[in-house]
Amino acid sequence: MSPPLRVLFDGWALIRNPGSPAALHLLAILENYPTEVQPVVAVPEAPPEWFPQVPIQIQETTNLFTWEQSNLPRLARRLDADLLHLFSASAPLLGGSPAVVSPCSFDPIGLHGSLTTDKGKESLLSRARQSIQLGGLARAHALFLPNDLATEELPTSFQCLPPLVHSSFTPTPQPEDHKRHNGSGGVWNELRQLDLPDTYLLYHGPASTPAVFSLLNAWRWASNAIGDYHPLLLLGFNVAEQALFNELAKPYGFGETVRVLPELSFPAIAILYQGCSALFHPGTEPLWGGPIRHALACGKPVVASHYLQTNRLVGPAAYLAPENDHRAQGAALITVIVEEEVSEKLAQAARQRASTWNGMAYSQALWAAYQKITTSR
């Protein structure tokens, strides 16, 4: 019997941003990795109690650049890893094991162009990082894309894999009310401390300033009509982003109709998806681990904007509005809440859309992709 394939996974996001698309996608992979694979997760500090029961390697650091370009390749060499599986475009430029990339950014560099179009305002560090990312992406041995999204002209070879979400985001016949749940344990204590409303809309990143302003301007058209009974809860903001959001939101005077939540554990995030009335996601969708895909998996109505990837992902399972038409986005939110027939139709389409997503199919395709890469070296 041949020895298992040793794959080192980048676990930075699981520690630094457990609600990010990268963290959610990695957790889904760790739930569905092939039996022929020996996974090892590299993390920058000791993991929390909810962390999956897989082998870990701790390499302490607080610097993301050092982590990507130095710590990971050095650790991969020490472990004699066959592959390094990453979730951003920042494949190491020098040395290390062959790298594969599952892009999980809201705006993956190298796939949709520069992160900013105002070249005059880019910092030197920002431009240097973008150049390194593009170089790393070119060095990656393969880019993994979901087979239900449009492909593009890419600076590296790519392979299509089936869609994947963690089983925590599957529809439940009778979703439990988190407000009245009598269970004990860390996740329920975590949710009780939030004092969540009985009904709510969910927004799950991105947390950039342009995205926040777009969100606030859209909510301005919906808050008076539905905000008191369906407040908008915001996920995916770190401590600094939470403070910035609260400052940016002050002039709008939304009060309790919009609320940014603290950083939460993965189990709490999954329960919040299960309990929401709808997801509002006006921005672009990451290729892997995105909010829209998780909402569809939960059978939830989605209000989103027209983008090529979003249109292909949702089909009839979302209410789509023009990208920069905040009034239309607000009206779409009102419609989904007020018109039950529309909401149920979208929910049914979401459940049907996600019904073919199968962890076993992903596992088999991932193993085939790993084999193709390692045998061609």
Protein backbone atom coordinates (compact mmCIF):
# COMPACT_ATOMS: atom_id res chain seq x y z
CA MET A 1 0.00 0.00 0.00
CA SER A 2 1.35 3.40 -0.95
CA PRO A 3 1.82 5.95 1.85
CA PRO A 4 -0.87 8.64 2.25
CA LEU A 5 -0.44 11.95 0.48
CA ARG A 6 0.65 14.54 3.03
CA VAL A 7 -1.08 17.89 2.40
CA LEU A 8 -0.30 20.98 4.44
CA PHE A 9 -3.30 23.31 4.67
CA ASP A 10 -2.98 27.02 5.38
CA GLY A 11 -4.99 27.52 8.58
CA TRP A 12 -4.24 31.23 9.11
CA ALA A 13 -7.87 32.24 8.51
CA LEU A 14 -9.21 29.68 10.98
CA ILE A 15 -7.37 31.52 13.75
CA ARG A 16 -7.33 35.13 12.58
CA ASN A 17 -10.74 35.29 10.89
CA PRO A 18 -12.88 32.19 11.59
CA GLY A 19 -15.88 33.71 9.81
CA SER A 20 -14.04 34.36 6.54
CA PRO A 21 -14.68 32.47 3.29
CA ALA A 22 -11.19 30.94 3.59
CA ALA A 23 -11.94 29.57 7.06
CA LEU A 24 -15.36 28.22 6.08
CA HIS A 25 -14.00 26.52 2.97
CA LEU A 26 -11.09 24.94 4.83
CA LEU A 27 -13.48 23.55 7.45
CA ALA A 28 -15.60 22.05 4.68
CA ILE A 29 -12.51 20.41 3.14
CA LEU A 30 -11.41 19.02 6.50
CA GLU A 31 -14.85 17.45 6.84
CA ASN A 32 -14.54 15.86 3.37
CA TYR A 33 -10.87 15.24 2.66
CA PRO A 34 -10.01 12.00 0.81
CA THR A 35 -9.08 8.99 2.93
CA GLU A 36 -5.84 8.74 0.94
CA VAL A 37 -4.77 12.15 2.28
CA GLN A 38 -2.95 12.86 5.53
CA PRO A 39 -3.95 16.45 6.38
CA VAL A 40 -1.88 18.80 8.51
CA VAL A 41 -3.17 22.29 9.30
CA ALA A 42 -0.65 25.07 9.89
CA VAL A 43 -1.84 27.72 12.35
CA PRO A 44 -0.17 30.84 13.82
CA GLU A 45 -1.26 30.09 17.40
CA ALA A 46 -3.06 27.46 19.48
CA PRO A 47 -6.56 26.80 18.06
CA PRO A 48 -9.89 27.24 19.91
CA GLU A 49 -11.89 24.34 21.36
CA TRP A 50 -14.20 24.05 18.34
CA PHE A 51 -11.27 23.39 15.99
CA PRO A 52 -11.63 20.12 14.02
CA GLN A 53 -9.77 17.08 15.30
CA VAL A 54 -6.97 17.02 12.75
CA PRO A 55 -3.17 17.18 13.12
CA ILE A 56 -1.94 20.76 13.53
CA GLN A 57 1.40 22.52 13.42
CA ILE A 58 1.76 25.81 15.30
CA GLN A 59 4.13 28.40 13.85
CA GLU A 60 3.76 31.54 15.94
CA THR A 61 3.70 34.81 14.02
CA THR A 62 1.52 37.90 13.63
CA ASN A 63 2.79 38.90 10.20
CA LEU A 64 0.71 37.61 7.27
CA PHE A 65 3.42 38.29 4.68
CA THR A 66 6.00 36.31 6.67
CA TRP A 67 3.45 33.57 7.20
CA GLU A 68 2.73 33.16 3.49
CA GLN A 69 6.21 33.62 2.09
CA SER A 70 8.39 32.11 4.83
CA ASN A 71 6.61 30.13 7.54
CA LEU A 72 4.45 27.95 5.31
CA PRO A 73 7.14 26.88 2.80
CA ARG A 74 9.63 26.23 5.63
CA LEU A 75 7.08 24.11 7.48
CA ALA A 76 6.18 22.25 4.29
CA ARG A 77 9.84 21.33 3.80
CA ARG A 78 10.23 20.22 7.42
CA LEU A 79 7.16 18.00 7.20
CA ASP A 80 8.14 16.72 3.75
CA ALA A 81 4.65 17.68 2.57
CA ASP A 82 3.62 16.54 -0.90
CA LEU A 83 1.39 19.59 -1.44
CA LEU A 84 0.67 22.96 0.09
CA HIS A 85 -3.03 23.90 -0.16
CA LEU A 86 -3.68 27.65 0.05
CA PHE A 87 -6.78 29.83 0.06
CA SER A 88 -5.42 33.11 -1.28
CA ALA A 89 -3.40 34.03 -4.35
CA SER A 90 -0.23 34.36 -2.27
CA ALA A 91 1.61 31.17 -3.20
CA PRO A 92 5.23 31.27 -1.95
CA LEU A 93 7.60 32.74 -4.47
CA LEU A 94 10.61 30.71 -3.34
CA GLY A 95 10.96 27.05 -2.48
CA GLY A 96 8.60 24.76 -0.64
CA SER A 97 6.23 22.06 -1.80
CA PRO A 98 4.05 22.42 -4.90
CA ALA A 99 1.20 24.79 -4.09
CA VAL A 100 -2.46 24.64 -5.10
CA VAL A 101 -4.86 27.53 -4.55
CA SER A 102 -8.59 27.58 -3.79
CA PRO A 103 -9.33 31.35 -4.08
CA CYS A 104 -11.56 32.56 -1.23
CA SER A 105 -11.19 36.33 -1.42
CA PHE A 106 -14.17 38.61 -2.06
CA ASP A 107 -12.02 40.11 -4.83
CA PRO A 108 -9.38 37.53 -5.77
CA ILE A 109 -6.34 39.32 -7.10
CA GLY A 110 -5.25 38.03 -10.47
CA LEU A 111 -8.79 36.92 -11.24
CA HIS A 112 -10.62 40.25 -11.33
CA GLY A 113 -7.72 42.65 -11.69
CA SER A 114 -6.21 45.00 -9.15
CA LEU A 115 -7.80 45.47 -5.75
CA THR A 116 -8.03 49.18 -6.47
CA THR A 117 -8.34 51.19 -9.65
CA ASP A 118 -6.91 54.43 -8.24
CA LYS A 119 -3.22 53.82 -8.87
CA GLY A 120 -2.26 57.21 -7.52
CA LYS A 121 -3.50 56.33 -4.05
CA GLU A 122 -2.01 52.88 -3.77
CA SER A 123 0.69 52.58 -1.14
CA LEU A 124 4.07 51.16 -2.08
CA LEU A 125 3.42 48.23 0.26
CA SER A 126 0.05 47.57 -1.38
CA ARG A 127 1.56 47.57 -4.88
CA ALA A 128 4.40 45.31 -3.74
CA ARG A 129 1.97 42.86 -2.18
CA GLN A 130 -0.14 42.77 -5.33
CA SER A 131 2.93 42.06 -7.44
CA ILE A 132 3.96 39.26 -5.10
CA GLN A 133 0.47 37.79 -5.19
CA LEU A 134 0.40 37.81 -8.97
CA GLY A 135 3.83 36.19 -9.04
CA GLY A 136 2.74 33.60 -6.50
CA LEU A 137 -0.41 32.85 -8.46
CA ALA A 138 1.68 32.26 -11.56
CA ARG A 139 3.87 29.83 -9.59
CA ALA A 140 0.94 27.82 -8.24
CA HIS A 141 0.72 24.35 -9.76
CA ALA A 142 -3.07 24.54 -10.02
CA LEU A 143 -5.98 26.81 -9.29
CA PHE A 144 -9.12 25.03 -8.05
CA LEU A 145 -12.42 26.51 -9.26
CA PRO A 146 -16.03 25.44 -8.52
CA ASN A 147 -17.46 23.78 -11.60
CA ASP A 148 -20.73 25.73 -11.37
CA LEU A 149 -19.12 29.15 -11.82
CA ALA A 150 -17.88 30.79 -14.99
CA THR A 151 -14.20 30.33 -15.74
CA GLU A 152 -11.95 33.13 -16.87
CA GLU A 153 -8.62 33.70 -18.54
CA LEU A 154 -6.22 32.91 -15.72
CA PRO A 155 -2.46 33.29 -15.23
CA THR A 156 -2.11 29.62 -14.20
CA SER A 157 -3.61 26.23 -14.96
CA PHE A 158 -6.93 25.48 -13.27
CA GLN A 159 -9.02 22.47 -12.39
CA CYS A 160 -12.77 22.44 -11.72
CA LEU A 161 -14.11 20.71 -8.63
CA PRO A 162 -17.72 20.20 -7.43
CA PRO A 163 -19.24 22.81 -5.09
CA LEU A 164 -18.71 22.28 -1.37
CA VAL A 165 -20.14 23.56 1.90
CA HIS A 166 -19.85 22.22 5.44
CA SER A 167 -22.71 19.98 6.57
CA SER A 168 -23.61 22.53 9.27
CA PHE A 169 -25.13 24.62 6.47
CA THR A 170 -27.73 22.10 5.30
CA PRO A 171 -31.44 22.87 5.71
CA THR A 172 -33.09 21.60 8.89
CA PRO A 173 -36.75 20.45 8.81
CA GLN A 174 -37.55 22.41 11.98
CA PRO A 175 -34.87 25.01 12.69
CA GLU A 176 -34.43 25.45 16.41
CA ASP A 177 -35.13 28.88 17.85
CA HIS A 178 -31.82 30.10 19.28
CA LYS A 179 -33.70 32.46 21.61
CA ARG A 180 -35.53 29.63 23.39
CA HIS A 181 -32.93 26.89 23.11
CA ASN A 182 -32.28 25.26 26.48
CA GLY A 183 -29.00 23.66 25.50
CA SER A 184 -25.80 24.39 27.32
CA GLY A 185 -22.26 24.70 26.07
CA GLY A 186 -20.00 27.26 24.54
CA VAL A 187 -21.90 27.99 21.33
CA TRP A 188 -25.26 28.51 23.04
CA ASN A 189 -23.70 30.68 25.71
CA GLU A 190 -22.04 32.64 22.92
CA LEU A 191 -25.37 33.21 21.16
CA ARG A 192 -27.29 34.07 24.33
CA GLN A 193 -24.78 36.81 25.11
CA LEU A 194 -25.64 38.43 21.77
CA ASP A 195 -29.32 38.87 22.71
CA LEU A 196 -30.37 38.11 19.16
CA PRO A 197 -33.77 39.16 17.77
CA ASP A 198 -36.28 36.46 16.85
CA THR A 199 -36.17 37.45 13.17
CA TYR A 200 -33.32 39.10 11.31
CA LEU A 201 -31.56 39.58 8.00
CA LEU A 202 -27.92 38.57 7.68
CA TYR A 203 -24.96 40.25 5.98
CA HIS A 204 -21.65 38.37 6.05
CA GLY A 205 -18.82 40.55 4.76
CA PRO A 206 -16.93 42.06 3.08
CA ALA A 207 -16.04 44.74 5.61
CA SER A 208 -14.14 47.20 3.41
CA THR A 209 -15.16 50.87 3.57
CA PRO A 210 -16.66 50.93 0.03
CA ALA A 211 -18.66 47.78 0.81
CA VAL A 212 -19.91 49.27 4.08
CA PHE A 213 -21.06 52.49 2.40
CA SER A 214 -22.85 50.47 -0.27
CA LEU A 215 -24.55 48.41 2.43
CA LEU A 216 -25.61 51.46 4.44
CA ASN A 217 -26.99 53.25 1.39
CA ALA A 218 -29.06 50.21 0.44
CA TRP A 219 -30.35 49.73 4.00
CA ARG A 220 -31.42 53.38 4.03
CA TRP A 221 -34.20 52.41 1.60
CA ALA A 222 -35.35 49.40 3.62
CA SER A 223 -34.82 50.14 7.31
CA ASN A 224 -37.98 52.18 7.92
CA ALA A 225 -40.20 49.52 6.35
CA ILE A 226 -38.74 46.32 7.82
CA GLY A 227 -35.89 47.23 10.18
CA ASP A 228 -37.86 47.17 13.44
CA TYR A 229 -38.98 43.57 12.93
CA HIS A 230 -36.15 42.30 10.74
CA PRO A 231 -32.96 44.12 11.78
CA LEU A 232 -29.84 43.63 9.71
CA LEU A 233 -27.09 41.71 11.54
CA LEU A 234 -23.53 41.99 10.22
CA LEU A 235 -20.95 39.20 10.40
CA GLY A 236 -17.32 38.97 9.32
CA PHE A 237 -15.96 42.18 10.89
CA ASN A 238 -12.84 42.10 13.05
CA VAL A 239 -12.51 44.39 16.08
CA ALA A 240 -11.07 47.32 14.10
CA GLU A 241 -13.68 46.93 11.35
CA GLN A 242 -16.49 46.83 13.94
CA ALA A 243 -15.35 50.16 15.38
CA LEU A 244 -15.03 51.70 11.92
CA PHE A 245 -18.48 50.48 10.91
CA ASN A 246 -20.06 52.02 13.99
CA GLU A 247 -18.46 55.36 13.12
CA LEU A 248 -19.52 55.20 9.48
CA ALA A 249 -23.08 54.23 10.43
CA LYS A 250 -23.64 57.06 12.94
CA PRO A 251 -24.79 59.70 10.40
CA TYR A 252 -27.45 57.35 9.05
CA GLY A 253 -29.27 57.12 12.38
CA PHE A 254 -30.37 53.52 11.93
CA GLY A 255 -30.35 52.79 15.65
CA GLU A 256 -31.09 49.15 16.47
CA THR A 257 -32.17 48.27 12.93
CA VAL A 258 -28.59 47.49 11.94
CA ARG A 259 -26.01 45.91 14.20
CA VAL A 260 -22.49 44.66 13.68
CA LEU A 261 -21.77 41.45 15.61
CA PRO A 262 -18.49 40.55 17.31
CA GLU A 263 -16.23 37.86 15.91
CA LEU A 264 -17.95 34.51 16.44
CA SER A 265 -16.97 30.85 16.41
CA PHE A 266 -17.74 28.65 13.43
CA PRO A 267 -20.61 26.77 15.16
CA ALA A 268 -22.28 30.08 16.08
CA ILE A 269 -21.97 31.36 12.51
CA ALA A 270 -23.66 28.24 11.14
CA ILE A 271 -26.57 28.64 13.58
CA LEU A 272 -27.00 32.30 12.60
CA TYR A 273 -27.34 31.25 8.96
CA GLN A 274 -29.92 28.64 9.90
CA GLY A 275 -31.96 31.22 11.81
CA CYS A 276 -31.92 34.17 9.39
CA SER A 277 -34.92 35.21 7.28
CA ALA A 278 -32.72 36.06 4.28
CA LEU A 279 -29.15 36.90 3.30
CA PHE A 280 -28.26 40.32 1.88
CA HIS A 281 -25.07 40.23 -0.18
CA PRO A 282 -24.73 43.17 -2.60
CA GLY A 283 -21.04 42.54 -3.31
CA THR A 284 -19.11 40.00 -5.36
CA GLU A 285 -19.12 36.36 -4.29
CA PRO A 286 -15.86 34.52 -3.54
CA LEU A 287 -15.17 31.48 -5.67
CA TRP A 288 -15.15 29.28 -2.55
CA GLY A 289 -16.64 29.72 0.92
CA GLY A 290 -18.88 32.68 0.07
CA PRO A 291 -22.01 33.87 1.91
CA ILE A 292 -24.39 33.28 -1.01
CA ARG A 293 -23.34 29.65 -1.36
CA HIS A 294 -23.81 29.05 2.37
CA ALA A 295 -27.23 30.73 2.36
CA LEU A 296 -28.35 28.61 -0.59
CA ALA A 297 -27.16 25.49 1.21
CA CYS A 298 -29.34 26.49 4.18
CA GLY A 299 -32.32 27.02 1.87
CA LYS A 300 -32.49 30.76 2.58
CA PRO A 301 -33.73 33.55 0.27
CA VAL A 302 -30.92 35.71 -1.08
CA VAL A 303 -30.91 39.36 -2.14
CA ALA A 304 -27.81 40.13 -4.19
CA SER A 305 -26.44 42.21 -7.07
CA HIS A 306 -26.03 41.31 -10.72
CA TYR A 307 -22.52 39.94 -11.28
CA LEU A 308 -21.49 37.25 -13.75
CA GLN A 309 -20.47 34.77 -11.06
CA THR A 310 -23.45 35.58 -8.83
CA ASN A 311 -25.94 35.17 -11.68
CA ARG A 312 -24.50 31.79 -12.57
CA LEU A 313 -24.40 30.63 -8.95
CA VAL A 314 -27.94 31.54 -7.89
CA GLY A 315 -30.02 30.99 -11.04
CA PRO A 316 -33.65 31.57 -9.90
CA ALA A 317 -32.70 31.26 -6.20
CA ALA A 318 -32.11 34.95 -5.50
CA TYR A 319 -33.65 38.38 -5.96
CA LEU A 320 -31.04 40.30 -7.96
CA ALA A 321 -30.79 44.09 -8.23
CA PRO A 322 -28.39 46.28 -10.23
CA GLU A 323 -24.94 46.58 -8.65
CA ASN A 324 -25.05 50.31 -7.79
CA ASP A 325 -28.82 50.80 -7.49
CA HIS A 326 -29.19 51.05 -3.72
CA ARG A 327 -32.86 51.91 -3.94
CA ALA A 328 -33.56 48.75 -5.94
CA GLN A 329 -31.56 46.70 -3.46
CA GLY A 330 -33.56 48.12 -0.56
CA ALA A 331 -36.81 47.42 -2.40
CA ALA A 332 -35.68 43.84 -3.01
CA LEU A 333 -35.11 43.36 0.71
CA ILE A 334 -38.58 44.69 1.50
CA THR A 335 -40.15 42.42 -1.11
CA VAL A 336 -38.47 39.29 0.24
CA ILE A 337 -39.69 40.05 3.77
CA VAL A 338 -43.18 41.36 3.02
CA GLU A 339 -44.20 38.99 0.22
CA GLU A 340 -44.15 35.49 1.72
CA GLU A 341 -44.83 33.86 -1.63
CA VAL A 342 -41.68 35.41 -3.10
CA SER A 343 -39.63 34.39 -0.07
CA GLU A 344 -40.83 30.78 -0.17
CA LYS A 345 -40.25 30.54 -3.92
CA LEU A 346 -36.66 31.72 -3.48
CA ALA A 347 -36.14 29.33 -0.55
CA GLN A 348 -37.40 26.38 -2.58
CA ALA A 349 -35.14 27.32 -5.49
CA ALA A 350 -32.20 27.61 -3.07
CA ARG A 351 -32.83 24.14 -1.67
CA GLN A 352 -33.09 22.71 -5.17
CA ARG A 353 -29.95 24.56 -6.26
CA ALA A 354 -27.91 23.10 -3.40
CA SER A 355 -29.42 19.61 -3.47
CA THR A 356 -26.72 18.34 -5.84
CA TRP A 357 -23.81 19.63 -3.76
CA ASN A 358 -22.18 16.52 -2.39
CA GLY A 359 -19.18 16.24 -0.11
CA MET A 360 -18.33 12.77 -1.44
CA ALA A 361 -18.20 14.08 -5.01
CA TYR A 362 -15.86 16.86 -3.90
CA SER A 363 -13.63 14.43 -2.01
CA GLN A 364 -13.25 12.16 -5.02
CA ALA A 365 -12.54 15.06 -7.38
CA LEU A 366 -10.04 16.58 -4.94
CA TRP A 367 -8.15 13.30 -4.72
CA ALA A 368 -8.03 13.03 -8.51
CA ALA A 369 -6.71 16.63 -8.71
CA TYR A 370 -4.06 15.98 -6.05
CA GLN A 371 -2.95 12.82 -7.86
CA LYS A 372 -2.69 14.61 -11.19
CA ILE A 373 -0.45 17.28 -9.69
CA THR A 374 1.84 15.00 -7.68
CA THR A 375 2.29 12.39 -10.40
CA SER A 376 3.16 14.97 -13.05
CA ARG A 377 6.06 16.45 -11.07
